[in-house]
Amino acid sequence: MDSNPSSAETAQKSIYVSSAVTNAAKILVVGHFAVGKTTLIGSLSEITPLRTEEKMTQASVHVDDLRGVTDKTTTTVALDFGRLTLSDDLVLYLFGTPGQQRFMQLWEDMARGALGALLLVDPARLEETFPVIDLVERYGLEYAIAVNCFDPAATYSEAEVREALDLLPDTPVVYCDAREQQSSAMALIALVRHLLERAA
């Protein structure tokens, strides 16, 4: 008899958090419309992520700005959710917020109990980041900036990003590709390190 667990059994076990885990943290993944939040959570989550994406309709044509993202056909209407076990005793629960202003009322509930926020930025649309920074700061969340490099030609230096967004000197700025697991993980680790330093 084969003593090795089947792939189905392995997948079933991965649904549940290990009994060794003693700490959990809620992290928000935030950013303006179409910046890559759903993609980043999907690349990181060790479970099948929960998504609330709906097809964009004609009704949103004059509401959602599709400049630079003309291929986008769906949008998050409530939240994205994923999970990542960071160490033997720490698991992160990732909550992605909708980027449009009409969904901002969801922020109050989603921010409650959050340890911090990973704020995704599209360097080609930096001006759209200011309302998100305002919300993160309104709810008193520590955050790190993750510049999602869709187009390498549109990338600015860290100094330019800091100046454009008027960031505090200790706010981390990292570059990532939300489609790639390792790149996204490094951005998340930068946030976790920042949170640990602030808590020390």
Protein backbone atom coordinates (compact mmCIF):
# COMPACT_ATOMS: atom_id res chain seq x y z
CA MET A 1 0.00 0.00 0.00
CA ASP A 2 1.33 3.45 -0.93
CA SER A 3 2.05 5.42 2.26
CA ASN A 4 2.63 8.70 0.43
CA PRO A 5 -0.26 11.18 0.71
CA SER A 6 -2.19 11.77 -2.48
CA SER A 7 -2.21 15.19 -4.12
CA ALA A 8 -5.84 15.54 -3.04
CA GLU A 9 -4.90 14.88 0.59
CA THR A 10 -2.01 17.35 0.38
CA ALA A 11 -4.28 20.00 -1.11
CA GLN A 12 -6.89 19.33 1.61
CA LYS A 13 -4.28 19.76 4.36
CA SER A 14 -3.05 23.03 2.87
CA ILE A 15 -6.51 24.54 3.31
CA TYR A 16 -6.01 24.57 7.07
CA VAL A 17 -3.55 26.57 9.13
CA SER A 18 -0.87 24.48 10.81
CA SER A 19 -1.44 23.79 14.51
CA ALA A 20 2.06 25.19 15.11
CA VAL A 21 0.94 28.68 14.10
CA THR A 22 0.43 30.85 17.17
CA ASN A 23 0.29 34.33 15.61
CA ALA A 24 -1.85 35.80 12.87
CA ALA A 25 -1.87 39.26 11.31
CA LYS A 26 -4.31 41.01 9.04
CA ILE A 27 -2.67 42.92 6.19
CA LEU A 28 -4.46 45.15 3.70
CA VAL A 29 -3.37 45.28 0.06
CA VAL A 30 -4.50 48.67 -1.19
CA GLY A 31 -4.10 50.94 -4.15
CA HIS A 32 -6.01 52.80 -6.82
CA PHE A 33 -8.16 51.20 -9.51
CA ALA A 34 -6.44 48.60 -11.73
CA VAL A 35 -3.06 48.74 -9.97
CA GLY A 36 -2.67 44.96 -9.47
CA LYS A 37 -4.08 44.18 -6.02
CA THR A 38 -6.00 41.07 -7.09
CA THR A 39 -2.99 39.86 -9.07
CA LEU A 40 -0.60 40.31 -6.13
CA ILE A 41 -2.82 38.44 -3.68
CA GLY A 42 -3.28 35.67 -6.25
CA SER A 43 0.49 35.33 -6.70
CA LEU A 44 1.10 35.11 -2.93
CA SER A 45 -1.79 33.14 -1.49
CA GLU A 46 -1.13 29.53 -0.46
CA ILE A 47 -4.86 28.82 -0.75
CA THR A 48 -7.14 29.52 -3.67
CA PRO A 49 -7.84 33.23 -3.16
CA LEU A 50 -11.35 34.50 -2.62
CA ARG A 51 -12.19 37.03 -5.31
CA THR A 52 -15.25 39.19 -5.82
CA GLU A 53 -14.54 40.28 -9.36
CA GLU A 54 -17.36 41.18 -11.70
CA LYS A 55 -17.35 42.00 -15.39
CA MET A 56 -17.19 45.68 -16.15
CA THR A 57 -20.26 46.93 -17.98
CA GLN A 58 -21.20 49.91 -20.09
CA ALA A 59 -22.50 51.60 -16.93
CA SER A 60 -18.94 52.03 -15.63
CA VAL A 61 -17.57 53.64 -18.79
CA HIS A 62 -17.87 57.19 -17.45
CA VAL A 63 -17.02 56.19 -13.87
CA ASP A 64 -13.90 54.01 -14.02
CA ASP A 65 -10.85 55.54 -15.68
CA LEU A 66 -9.34 52.93 -18.01
CA ARG A 67 -6.48 55.06 -19.28
CA GLY A 68 -3.41 52.84 -19.45
CA VAL A 69 -5.41 49.69 -18.60
CA THR A 70 -7.64 49.29 -21.65
CA ASP A 71 -7.40 45.47 -21.47
CA LYS A 72 -9.11 45.36 -18.06
CA THR A 73 -12.50 43.64 -18.24
CA THR A 74 -13.26 42.85 -14.57
CA THR A 75 -13.11 44.76 -11.29
CA THR A 76 -13.20 43.91 -7.58
CA VAL A 77 -16.53 44.91 -6.05
CA ALA A 78 -16.01 43.86 -2.42
CA LEU A 79 -12.65 42.32 -1.48
CA ASP A 80 -9.92 39.84 -2.31
CA PHE A 81 -8.73 37.44 0.36
CA GLY A 82 -5.68 35.22 0.58
CA ARG A 83 -3.44 33.58 3.17
CA LEU A 84 0.31 33.25 3.47
CA THR A 85 2.20 31.36 6.18
CA LEU A 86 5.29 33.49 6.68
CA SER A 87 7.05 31.34 9.28
CA ASP A 88 6.41 28.30 11.47
CA ASP A 89 4.39 30.40 13.90
CA LEU A 90 3.09 33.34 11.83
CA VAL A 91 0.35 33.47 9.22
CA LEU A 92 -0.73 36.57 7.30
CA TYR A 93 -4.29 37.12 6.13
CA LEU A 94 -4.32 39.35 3.07
CA PHE A 95 -7.33 41.54 2.32
CA GLY A 96 -7.47 43.42 -0.96
CA THR A 97 -9.63 46.53 -1.11
CA PRO A 98 -11.53 47.83 -4.13
CA GLY A 99 -9.79 50.78 -5.77
CA GLN A 100 -12.74 52.88 -6.87
CA GLN A 101 -14.02 55.79 -4.80
CA ARG A 102 -17.58 54.40 -4.79
CA PHE A 103 -16.42 51.43 -2.70
CA MET A 104 -14.59 53.47 -0.06
CA GLN A 105 -17.31 52.81 2.53
CA LEU A 106 -15.92 49.27 2.78
CA TRP A 107 -12.63 50.59 4.12
CA GLU A 108 -13.79 51.19 7.68
CA ASP A 109 -14.69 47.55 8.24
CA MET A 110 -11.68 46.21 6.36
CA ALA A 111 -9.21 48.46 8.21
CA ARG A 112 -10.47 47.34 11.61
CA GLY A 113 -7.86 45.08 13.19
CA ALA A 114 -5.38 45.45 10.33
CA LEU A 115 -1.72 45.59 11.30
CA GLY A 116 -0.66 47.54 8.23
CA ALA A 117 -1.08 48.06 4.51
CA LEU A 118 0.92 47.29 1.39
CA LEU A 119 0.13 50.19 -0.92
CA LEU A 120 0.53 49.31 -4.59
CA VAL A 121 1.46 52.14 -6.95
CA ASP A 122 1.45 52.38 -10.74
CA PRO A 123 4.33 54.74 -11.62
CA ALA A 124 2.44 55.89 -14.72
CA ARG A 125 -0.49 57.04 -12.54
CA LEU A 126 1.11 58.33 -9.35
CA GLU A 127 -1.49 61.08 -8.94
CA GLU A 128 -4.19 58.45 -8.33
CA THR A 129 -2.35 57.27 -5.21
CA PHE A 130 -3.03 60.37 -3.08
CA PRO A 131 -6.64 59.49 -2.12
CA VAL A 132 -5.48 56.01 -1.08
CA ILE A 133 -2.67 57.41 1.08
CA ASP A 134 -5.22 59.74 2.69
CA LEU A 135 -7.43 56.77 3.59
CA VAL A 136 -4.57 54.67 4.96
CA GLU A 137 -3.42 57.56 7.13
CA ARG A 138 -6.99 58.37 8.20
CA TYR A 139 -7.29 54.88 9.67
CA GLY A 140 -3.88 55.10 11.32
CA LEU A 141 -2.29 52.26 9.39
CA GLU A 142 1.44 51.88 8.92
CA TYR A 143 2.24 51.19 5.27
CA ALA A 144 4.89 50.45 2.68
CA ILE A 145 4.85 51.55 -0.94
CA ALA A 146 5.20 48.81 -3.58
CA VAL A 147 5.79 50.23 -7.06
CA ASN A 148 4.21 47.70 -9.43
CA CYS A 149 6.37 47.73 -12.53
CA PHE A 150 3.92 47.04 -15.33
CA ASP A 151 6.09 48.95 -17.78
CA PRO A 152 9.82 49.23 -16.98
CA ALA A 153 10.00 52.35 -19.17
CA ALA A 154 7.60 54.15 -16.82
CA THR A 155 9.56 53.45 -13.62
CA TYR A 156 10.91 56.33 -11.54
CA SER A 157 13.74 56.27 -9.04
CA GLU A 158 12.98 55.80 -5.35
CA ALA A 159 13.85 59.45 -4.72
CA GLU A 160 11.42 60.56 -7.42
CA VAL A 161 8.63 58.37 -6.02
CA ARG A 162 9.25 59.69 -2.51
CA GLU A 163 9.15 63.28 -3.69
CA ALA A 164 6.08 62.80 -5.88
CA LEU A 165 4.10 61.12 -3.06
CA ASP A 166 5.52 63.32 -0.28
CA LEU A 167 6.47 60.29 1.82
CA LEU A 168 8.04 60.28 5.26
CA PRO A 169 11.72 59.26 5.26
CA ASP A 170 11.04 55.95 7.04
CA THR A 171 8.23 54.82 4.71
CA PRO A 172 9.59 51.82 2.78
CA VAL A 173 9.56 52.01 -1.02
CA VAL A 174 10.11 48.77 -2.93
CA TYR A 175 9.67 47.70 -6.54
CA CYS A 176 7.76 44.58 -7.52
CA ASP A 177 5.98 42.71 -10.27
CA ALA A 178 2.62 41.66 -8.83
CA ARG A 179 2.48 38.74 -11.27
CA GLU A 180 5.55 37.07 -9.76
CA GLN A 181 5.41 35.30 -6.40
CA GLN A 182 8.96 36.02 -5.27
CA SER A 183 8.77 39.68 -6.25
CA SER A 184 5.43 40.11 -4.45
CA ALA A 185 6.76 38.27 -1.40
CA MET A 186 9.74 40.63 -1.12
CA ALA A 187 7.35 43.60 -1.14
CA LEU A 188 5.27 42.03 1.62
CA ILE A 189 8.38 41.22 3.65
CA ALA A 190 9.44 44.88 3.41
CA LEU A 191 6.12 45.85 4.98
CA VAL A 192 6.42 43.23 7.74
CA ARG A 193 9.95 44.41 8.59
CA HIS A 194 8.69 47.99 8.77
CA LEU A 195 5.87 46.96 11.11
CA LEU A 196 8.29 45.08 13.37
CA GLU A 197 10.64 48.07 13.51
CA ARG A 198 7.76 50.40 14.40
CA ALA A 199 6.59 48.02 17.13
CA ALA A 200 10.05 47.64 18.67
